[in-house]
C-alpha atoms as a PDB file:
ATOM      1  CA  MET A   1     -42.054-161.705-182.256  1.00  0.00           C
ATOM      2  CA  LYS A   2     -39.796-158.912-180.985  1.00  0.00           C
ATOM      3  CA  TYR A   3     -40.664-156.346-178.378  1.00  0.00           C
ATOM      4  CA  GLN A   4     -39.976-153.070-180.161  1.00  0.00           C
ATOM      5  CA  LEU A   5     -39.027-149.810-178.462  1.00  0.00           C
ATOM      6  CA  ILE A   6     -38.990-146.716-180.647  1.00  0.00           C
ATOM      7  CA  THR A   7     -36.929-143.811-179.308  1.00  0.00           C
ATOM      8  CA  VAL A   8     -37.302-140.306-180.755  1.00  0.00           C
ATOM      9  CA  GLY A   9     -37.128-136.658-179.737  1.00  0.00           C
ATOM     10  CA  PRO A  10     -34.558-133.856-179.375  1.00  0.00           C
ATOM     11  CA  LEU A  11     -32.713-135.374-176.381  1.00  0.00           C
ATOM     12  CA  ILE A  12     -32.530-138.955-177.601  1.00  0.00           C
ATOM     13  CA  HIS A  13     -28.721-138.949-177.650  1.00  0.00           C
ATOM     14  CA  GLU A  14     -28.575-137.786-174.041  1.00  0.00           C
ATOM     15  CA  TYR A  15     -30.700-140.553-172.546  1.00  0.00           C
ATOM     16  CA  ALA A  16     -31.117-143.462-174.971  1.00  0.00           C
ATOM     17  CA  ASP A  17     -27.937-145.363-174.030  1.00  0.00           C
ATOM     18  CA  SER A  18     -28.773-145.381-170.305  1.00  0.00           C
ATOM     19  CA  LEU A  19     -32.291-146.583-171.020  1.00  0.00           C
ATOM     20  CA  GLU A  20     -31.043-149.345-173.301  1.00  0.00           C
ATOM     21  CA  THR A  21     -28.623-150.587-170.623  1.00  0.00           C
ATOM     22  CA  GLU A  22     -31.423-150.694-168.054  1.00  0.00           C
ATOM     23  CA  LEU A  23     -33.802-152.562-170.376  1.00  0.00           C
ATOM     24  CA  LEU A  24     -31.207-155.105-171.494  1.00  0.00           C
ATOM     25  CA  ARG A  25     -30.578-155.940-167.855  1.00  0.00           C
ATOM     26  CA  ASP A  26     -34.317-156.273-167.230  1.00  0.00           C
ATOM     27  CA  PHE A  27     -34.784-158.597-170.199  1.00  0.00           C
ATOM     28  CA  GLU A  28     -31.893-160.736-169.007  1.00  0.00           C
ATOM     29  CA  GLU A  29     -33.496-161.002-165.553  1.00  0.00           C
ATOM     30  CA  LEU A  30     -36.743-162.113-167.215  1.00  0.00           C
ATOM     31  CA  GLY A  31     -34.861-164.892-169.006  1.00  0.00           C
ATOM     32  CA  LEU A  32     -35.468-163.397-172.456  1.00  0.00           C
ATOM     33  CA  ASP A  33     -32.760-163.364-175.121  1.00  0.00           C
ATOM     34  CA  ASN A  34     -32.205-159.689-175.968  1.00  0.00           C
ATOM     35  CA  ASN A  35     -31.047-160.403-179.498  1.00  0.00           C
ATOM     36  CA  ARG A  36     -34.061-162.559-180.258  1.00  0.00           C
ATOM     37  CA  TYR A  37     -36.884-160.774-178.472  1.00  0.00           C
ATOM     38  CA  PHE A  38     -35.976-157.089-178.146  1.00  0.00           C
ATOM     39  CA  GLU A  39     -34.917-154.248-180.408  1.00  0.00           C
ATOM     40  CA  ILE A  40     -34.686-150.476-180.271  1.00  0.00           C
ATOM     41  CA  LEU A  41     -35.522-148.514-183.399  1.00  0.00           C
ATOM     42  CA  GLY A  42     -35.395-144.865-184.402  1.00  0.00           C
ATOM     43  CA  SER A  43     -37.621-143.008-186.810  1.00  0.00           C
ATOM     44  CA  SER A  44     -35.225-143.817-189.659  1.00  0.00           C
ATOM     45  CA  HIS A  45     -36.279-147.464-189.272  1.00  0.00           C
ATOM     46  CA  ALA A  46     -40.017-146.817-189.140  1.00  0.00           C
ATOM     47  CA  ASP A  47     -40.569-149.338-191.929  1.00  0.00           C
ATOM     48  CA  GLN A  48     -39.464-152.120-189.554  1.00  0.00           C
ATOM     49  CA  ILE A  49     -42.137-151.422-186.945  1.00  0.00           C
ATOM     50  CA  ASN A  50     -44.612-154.251-186.429  1.00  0.00           C
ATOM     51  CA  TRP A  51     -47.853-152.342-185.952  1.00  0.00           C
ATOM     52  CA  ASP A  52     -49.714-155.587-185.228  1.00  0.00           C
ATOM     53  CA  GLY A  53     -47.444-156.205-182.244  1.00  0.00           C
ATOM     54  CA  THR A  54     -46.908-154.088-179.130  1.00  0.00           C
ATOM     55  CA  PRO A  55     -44.524-151.285-180.171  1.00  0.00           C
ATOM     56  CA  VAL A  56     -43.801-148.667-177.507  1.00  0.00           C
ATOM     57  CA  MET A  57     -42.470-145.159-178.066  1.00  0.00           C
ATOM     58  CA  VAL A  58     -40.391-142.931-175.819  1.00  0.00           C
ATOM     59  CA  TRP A  59     -40.275-139.238-176.721  1.00  0.00           C
ATOM     60  CA  PHE A  60     -37.214-137.555-175.199  1.00  0.00           C
ATOM     61  CA  GLY A  61     -38.439-133.986-174.942  1.00  0.00           C
ATOM     62  CA  GLY A  62     -36.277-130.904-174.833  1.00  0.00           C
ATOM     63  CA  SER A  63     -35.683-127.493-176.289  1.00  0.00           C
ATOM     64  CA  GLY A  64     -33.817-128.815-179.326  1.00  0.00           C
ATOM     65  CA  GLN A  65     -35.113-129.051-182.866  1.00  0.00           C
ATOM     66  CA  GLU A  66     -37.825-131.636-183.458  1.00  0.00           C
ATOM     67  CA  GLU A  67     -37.322-133.605-186.656  1.00  0.00           C
ATOM     68  CA  ASP A  68     -40.244-133.934-189.060  1.00  0.00           C
ATOM     69  CA  LYS A  69     -39.833-137.714-189.313  1.00  0.00           C
ATOM     70  CA  ASP A  70     -40.043-137.989-185.513  1.00  0.00           C
ATOM     71  CA  ILE A  71     -43.256-135.940-185.457  1.00  0.00           C
ATOM     72  CA  GLU A  72     -44.725-138.029-188.262  1.00  0.00           C
ATOM     73  CA  LEU A  73     -43.969-141.266-186.405  1.00  0.00           C
ATOM     74  CA  LEU A  74     -45.331-139.850-183.147  1.00  0.00           C
ATOM     75  CA  ASN A  75     -48.601-139.011-184.891  1.00  0.00           C
ATOM     76  CA  SER A  76     -48.831-142.582-186.168  1.00  0.00           C
ATOM     77  CA  PHE A  77     -48.403-143.958-182.638  1.00  0.00           C
ATOM     78  CA  LEU A  78     -51.115-141.665-181.325  1.00  0.00           C
ATOM     79  CA  GLU A  79     -53.416-142.541-184.214  1.00  0.00           C
ATOM     80  CA  PHE A  80     -53.030-146.287-183.613  1.00  0.00           C
ATOM     81  CA  ASN A  81     -53.280-145.882-179.811  1.00  0.00           C
ATOM     82  CA  HIS A  82     -49.893-147.416-179.089  1.00  0.00           C
ATOM     83  CA  PRO A  83     -48.162-146.408-175.831  1.00  0.00           C
ATOM     84  CA  VAL A  84     -46.087-143.214-175.862  1.00  0.00           C
ATOM     85  CA  PHE A  85     -44.004-142.118-172.871  1.00  0.00           C
ATOM     86  CA  PRO A  86     -42.945-138.440-173.000  1.00  0.00           C
ATOM     87  CA  VAL A  87     -39.788-137.852-170.938  1.00  0.00           C
ATOM     88  CA  VAL A  88     -38.394-134.445-169.932  1.00  0.00           C
ATOM     89  CA  LYS A  89     -35.783-133.112-167.504  1.00  0.00           C
ATOM     90  CA  ASN A  90     -38.245-130.942-165.616  1.00  0.00           C
ATOM     91  CA  LEU A  91     -42.013-131.426-165.564  1.00  0.00           C
ATOM     92  CA  LYS A  92     -42.512-127.738-164.839  1.00  0.00           C
ATOM     93  CA  LYS A  93     -41.337-127.086-168.399  1.00  0.00           C
ATOM     94  CA  TYR A  94     -43.189-130.034-169.889  1.00  0.00           C
ATOM     95  CA  ALA A  95     -45.460-128.069-172.238  1.00  0.00           C
ATOM     96  CA  ASP A  96     -42.478-126.181-173.651  1.00  0.00           C
ATOM     97  CA  ASN A  97     -40.438-129.321-174.287  1.00  0.00           C
ATOM     98  CA  VAL A  98     -42.873-131.617-176.092  1.00  0.00           C
ATOM     99  CA  PRO A  99     -45.084-131.235-179.186  1.00  0.00           C
ATOM    100  CA  PRO A 100     -48.656-129.972-178.617  1.00  0.00           C
ATOM    101  CA  THR A 101     -50.045-133.440-179.415  1.00  0.00           C
ATOM    102  CA  LEU A 102     -48.395-134.725-176.212  1.00  0.00           C
ATOM    103  CA  HIS A 103     -49.756-132.039-173.891  1.00  0.00           C
ATOM    104  CA  LYS A 104     -52.724-134.234-172.958  1.00  0.00           C
ATOM    105  CA  ILE A 105     -50.468-137.175-172.035  1.00  0.00           C
ATOM    106  CA  ASN A 106     -48.878-137.386-168.597  1.00  0.00           C
ATOM    107  CA  GLY A 107     -45.132-137.046-168.922  1.00  0.00           C
ATOM    108  CA  ILE A 108     -42.409-138.168-166.542  1.00  0.00           C
ATOM    109  CA  GLU A 109     -39.101-136.719-165.455  1.00  0.00           C
ATOM    110  CA  TRP A 110     -36.055-138.680-166.544  1.00  0.00           C
ATOM    111  CA  ASP A 111     -35.487-141.735-164.350  1.00  0.00           C
ATOM    112  CA  GLU A 112     -34.201-144.761-166.249  1.00  0.00           C
ATOM    113  CA  ALA A 113     -35.398-147.327-163.693  1.00  0.00           C
ATOM    114  CA  ARG A 114     -38.941-145.950-163.554  1.00  0.00           C
ATOM    115  CA  LEU A 115     -39.114-145.522-167.320  1.00  0.00           C
ATOM    116  CA  ALA A 116     -37.861-149.070-167.926  1.00  0.00           C
ATOM    117  CA  ALA A 117     -40.523-150.387-165.534  1.00  0.00           C
ATOM    118  CA  ASP A 118     -43.219-148.440-167.402  1.00  0.00           C
ATOM    119  CA  ILE A 119     -42.002-149.844-170.714  1.00  0.00           C
ATOM    120  CA  LEU A 120     -42.042-153.421-169.395  1.00  0.00           C
ATOM    121  CA  ARG A 121     -45.610-152.892-168.203  1.00  0.00           C
ATOM    122  CA  ALA A 122     -46.546-151.644-171.673  1.00  0.00           C
ATOM    123  CA  PHE A 123     -44.925-154.802-173.099  1.00  0.00           C
ATOM    124  CA  ARG A 124     -46.975-156.785-170.533  1.00  0.00           C
ATOM    125  CA  LEU A 125     -43.810-158.275-169.084  1.00  0.00           C
ATOM    126  CA  SER A 126     -43.914-156.959-165.538  1.00  0.00           C
ATOM    127  CA  ARG A 127     -46.288-159.327-163.730  1.00  0.00           C
ATOM    128  CA  LYS A 128     -45.004-161.283-160.766  1.00  0.00           C
ATOM    129  CA  GLN A 129     -46.416-164.310-162.570  1.00  0.00           C
ATOM    130  CA  ARG A 130     -46.538-164.039-166.350  1.00  0.00           C
ATOM    131  CA  GLN A 131     -49.311-165.855-168.189  1.00  0.00           C
ATOM    132  CA  ALA A 132     -49.148-167.810-171.422  1.00  0.00           C
ATOM    133  CA  PHE A 133     -51.826-169.494-173.545  1.00  0.00           C
ATOM    134  CA  ILE A 134     -50.904-172.573-175.605  1.00  0.00           C
ATOM    135  CA  SER A 135     -52.761-172.895-178.916  1.00  0.00           C
ATOM    136  CA  TYR A 136     -52.349-176.249-180.655  1.00  0.00           C
ATOM    137  CA  ARG A 137     -54.071-179.043-182.578  1.00  0.00           C
ATOM    138  CA  ARG A 138     -54.656-181.927-180.197  1.00  0.00           C
ATOM    139  CA  THR A 139     -54.354-184.721-182.740  1.00  0.00           C
ATOM    140  CA  GLU A 140     -50.880-183.550-183.814  1.00  0.00           C
ATOM    141  CA  THR A 141     -49.126-181.855-180.926  1.00  0.00           C
ATOM    142  CA  ARG A 142     -50.813-182.804-177.641  1.00  0.00           C
ATOM    143  CA  ALA A 143     -47.710-184.487-176.170  1.00  0.00           C
ATOM    144  CA  VAL A 144     -45.525-181.454-176.906  1.00  0.00           C
ATOM    145  CA  ALA A 145     -48.185-179.081-175.584  1.00  0.00           C
ATOM    146  CA  VAL A 146     -48.262-180.987-172.287  1.00  0.00           C
ATOM    147  CA  GLN A 147     -44.457-180.845-172.017  1.00  0.00           C
ATOM    148  CA  LEU A 148     -44.490-177.123-172.796  1.00  0.00           C
ATOM    149  CA  PHE A 149     -47.178-176.558-170.161  1.00  0.00           C
ATOM    150  CA  ALA A 150     -44.999-178.289-167.570  1.00  0.00           C
ATOM    151  CA  GLU A 151     -41.868-176.332-168.524  1.00  0.00           C
ATOM    152  CA  LEU A 152     -43.666-172.985-168.466  1.00  0.00           C
ATOM    153  CA  SER A 153     -45.107-173.759-165.040  1.00  0.00           C
ATOM    154  CA  LEU A 154     -41.663-174.767-163.802  1.00  0.00           C
ATOM    155  CA  HIS A 155     -40.215-171.445-164.953  1.00  0.00           C
ATOM    156  CA  GLY A 156     -42.770-169.288-163.178  1.00  0.00           C
ATOM    157  CA  TYR A 157     -45.454-168.905-165.837  1.00  0.00           C
ATOM    158  CA  ARG A 158     -49.141-169.440-165.246  1.00  0.00           C
ATOM    159  CA  ALA A 159     -49.784-171.460-168.385  1.00  0.00           C
ATOM    160  CA  PHE A 160     -53.178-172.235-169.932  1.00  0.00           C
ATOM    161  CA  LEU A 161     -53.700-175.585-171.613  1.00  0.00           C
ATOM    162  CA  ASP A 162     -57.267-176.532-172.487  1.00  0.00           C
ATOM    163  CA  THR A 163     -57.066-180.080-171.133  1.00  0.00           C
ATOM    164  CA  ALA A 164     -55.437-179.014-167.864  1.00  0.00           C
ATOM    165  CA  SER A 165     -56.828-175.562-167.098  1.00  0.00           C
ATOM    166  CA  VAL A 166     -60.623-175.788-167.487  1.00  0.00           C
ATOM    167  CA  GLU A 167     -62.560-177.339-164.621  1.00  0.00           C
ATOM    168  CA  SER A 168     -65.330-179.862-165.181  1.00  0.00           C
ATOM    169  CA  GLY A 169     -68.822-178.410-165.521  1.00  0.00           C
ATOM    170  CA  VAL A 170     -67.566-175.037-166.779  1.00  0.00           C
ATOM    171  CA  ASP A 171     -68.617-173.496-170.100  1.00  0.00           C
ATOM    172  CA  PHE A 172     -65.489-174.327-172.094  1.00  0.00           C
ATOM    173  CA  GLN A 173     -65.567-171.511-174.632  1.00  0.00           C
ATOM    174  CA  GLU A 174     -66.449-168.887-172.025  1.00  0.00           C
ATOM    175  CA  ALA A 175     -63.518-170.035-169.869  1.00  0.00           C
ATOM    176  CA  LEU A 176     -61.263-170.064-172.914  1.00  0.00           C
ATOM    177  CA  TRP A 177     -62.049-166.491-173.974  1.00  0.00           C
ATOM    178  CA  GLY A 178     -61.916-165.288-170.390  1.00  0.00           C
ATOM    179  CA  ARG A 179     -58.396-166.593-169.855  1.00  0.00           C
ATOM    180  CA  MET A 180     -57.183-165.276-173.198  1.00  0.00           C
ATOM    181  CA  ALA A 181     -58.203-161.755-172.204  1.00  0.00           C
ATOM    182  CA  ASP A 182     -55.782-161.919-169.273  1.00  0.00           C
ATOM    183  CA  VAL A 183     -52.687-163.580-170.739  1.00  0.00           C
ATOM    184  CA  ASP A 184     -49.450-161.925-171.826  1.00  0.00           C
ATOM    185  CA  LEU A 185     -48.474-164.262-174.648  1.00  0.00           C
ATOM    186  CA  LEU A 186     -50.046-166.840-176.958  1.00  0.00           C
ATOM    187  CA  ILE A 187     -47.759-169.701-177.981  1.00  0.00           C
ATOM    188  CA  PHE A 188     -48.866-171.203-181.280  1.00  0.00           C
ATOM    189  CA  LEU A 189     -47.687-174.738-182.070  1.00  0.00           C
ATOM    190  CA  ASP A 190     -47.713-174.445-185.850  1.00  0.00           C
ATOM    191  CA  SER A 191     -48.016-178.047-186.999  1.00  0.00           C
ATOM    192  CA  PRO A 192     -48.974-179.027-190.581  1.00  0.00           C
ATOM    193  CA  ASN A 193     -52.737-179.096-189.979  1.00  0.00           C
ATOM    194  CA  ALA A 194     -53.030-176.685-187.066  1.00  0.00           C
ATOM    195  CA  LEU A 195     -54.888-174.011-189.013  1.00  0.00           C
ATOM    196  CA  THR A 196     -57.509-176.496-190.178  1.00  0.00           C
ATOM    197  CA  SER A 197     -58.730-176.592-186.581  1.00  0.00           C
ATOM    198  CA  ARG A 198     -61.601-174.180-185.957  1.00  0.00           C
ATOM    199  CA  TRP A 199     -60.459-173.750-182.346  1.00  0.00           C
ATOM    200  CA  VAL A 200     -56.903-172.826-183.297  1.00  0.00           C
ATOM    201  CA  TYR A 201     -58.119-170.415-185.964  1.00  0.00           C
ATOM    202  CA  GLU A 202     -60.479-168.696-183.514  1.00  0.00           C
ATOM    203  CA  GLU A 203     -57.789-168.509-180.818  1.00  0.00           C
ATOM    204  CA  LEU A 204     -55.367-166.790-183.193  1.00  0.00           C
ATOM    205  CA  ALA A 205     -58.070-164.402-184.363  1.00  0.00           C
ATOM    206  CA  ARG A 206     -58.939-163.497-180.771  1.00  0.00           C
ATOM    207  CA  ALA A 207     -55.263-163.025-179.909  1.00  0.00           C
ATOM    208  CA  HIS A 208     -55.007-160.579-182.817  1.00  0.00           C
ATOM    209  CA  ASN A 209     -58.104-158.698-181.669  1.00  0.00           C
ATOM    210  CA  LEU A 210     -56.734-158.477-178.120  1.00  0.00           C
ATOM    211  CA  GLY A 211     -53.334-157.279-179.324  1.00  0.00           C
ATOM    212  CA  LEU A 212     -51.524-160.207-177.689  1.00  0.00           C
ATOM    213  CA  GLY A 213     -47.981-161.152-178.533  1.00  0.00           C
ATOM    214  CA  VAL A 214     -47.796-164.426-180.466  1.00  0.00           C
ATOM    215  CA  LEU A 215     -44.825-166.795-180.388  1.00  0.00           C
ATOM    216  CA  GLN A 216     -45.010-169.158-183.377  1.00  0.00           C
ATOM    217  CA  LEU A 217     -43.227-172.503-182.991  1.00  0.00           C
ATOM    218  CA  VAL A 218     -43.019-174.040-186.458  1.00  0.00           C
ATOM    219  CA  TRP A 219     -42.979-177.814-186.719  1.00  0.00           C
ATOM    220  CA  PRO A 220     -39.966-179.471-188.437  1.00  0.00           C
ATOM    221  CA  ASN A 221     -40.356-179.724-192.212  1.00  0.00           C
ATOM    222  CA  HIS A 222     -43.402-177.448-192.082  1.00  0.00           C
ATOM    223  CA  SER A 223     -43.342-173.941-193.518  1.00  0.00           C
END
């Protein structure tokens, strides 16, 4: 899964490079490979947007001409309730520098550090302690799941593993769903028979319903 930032609007060429530099530095500090996990797209690449993921849009507002394809993509983001950050030079002229559909959304004045922080929050990457949920089939991948749990914990994640994270005497499914609602990422150990597990199937379905990012780790010789 890639974190996708979509940049559009009349002043995109004035600000986009500075924003990209700031975000690439932030991703590096988070220990995420920019080439593997992050991409910036324009409206000409709308067909590459993963609407089931967590795409984020920045509208660089100004007095220039608004392109029809930018407006069309903006309307899609608003329709699907994905985050849109309208950016202008001067908030006093906000209504004059953005489309009417953005008037109800709070805009911000250009500040690459603040905007990058807002985008990371929208990607759910800005917690002091990021949280990950490991979904796996016990009979096939338990040993690897335990190793992954240890490595994630070592690298600053609060990881959830069913055998290590649910206390005795607690309603297991209630605890499971409760933790999933608060995590940033689900890691799916895709072994040959993983999807035959009712638990794994339900965890993936809930992750989809919650709009969580899913990292799929495919087992060797399994497609």
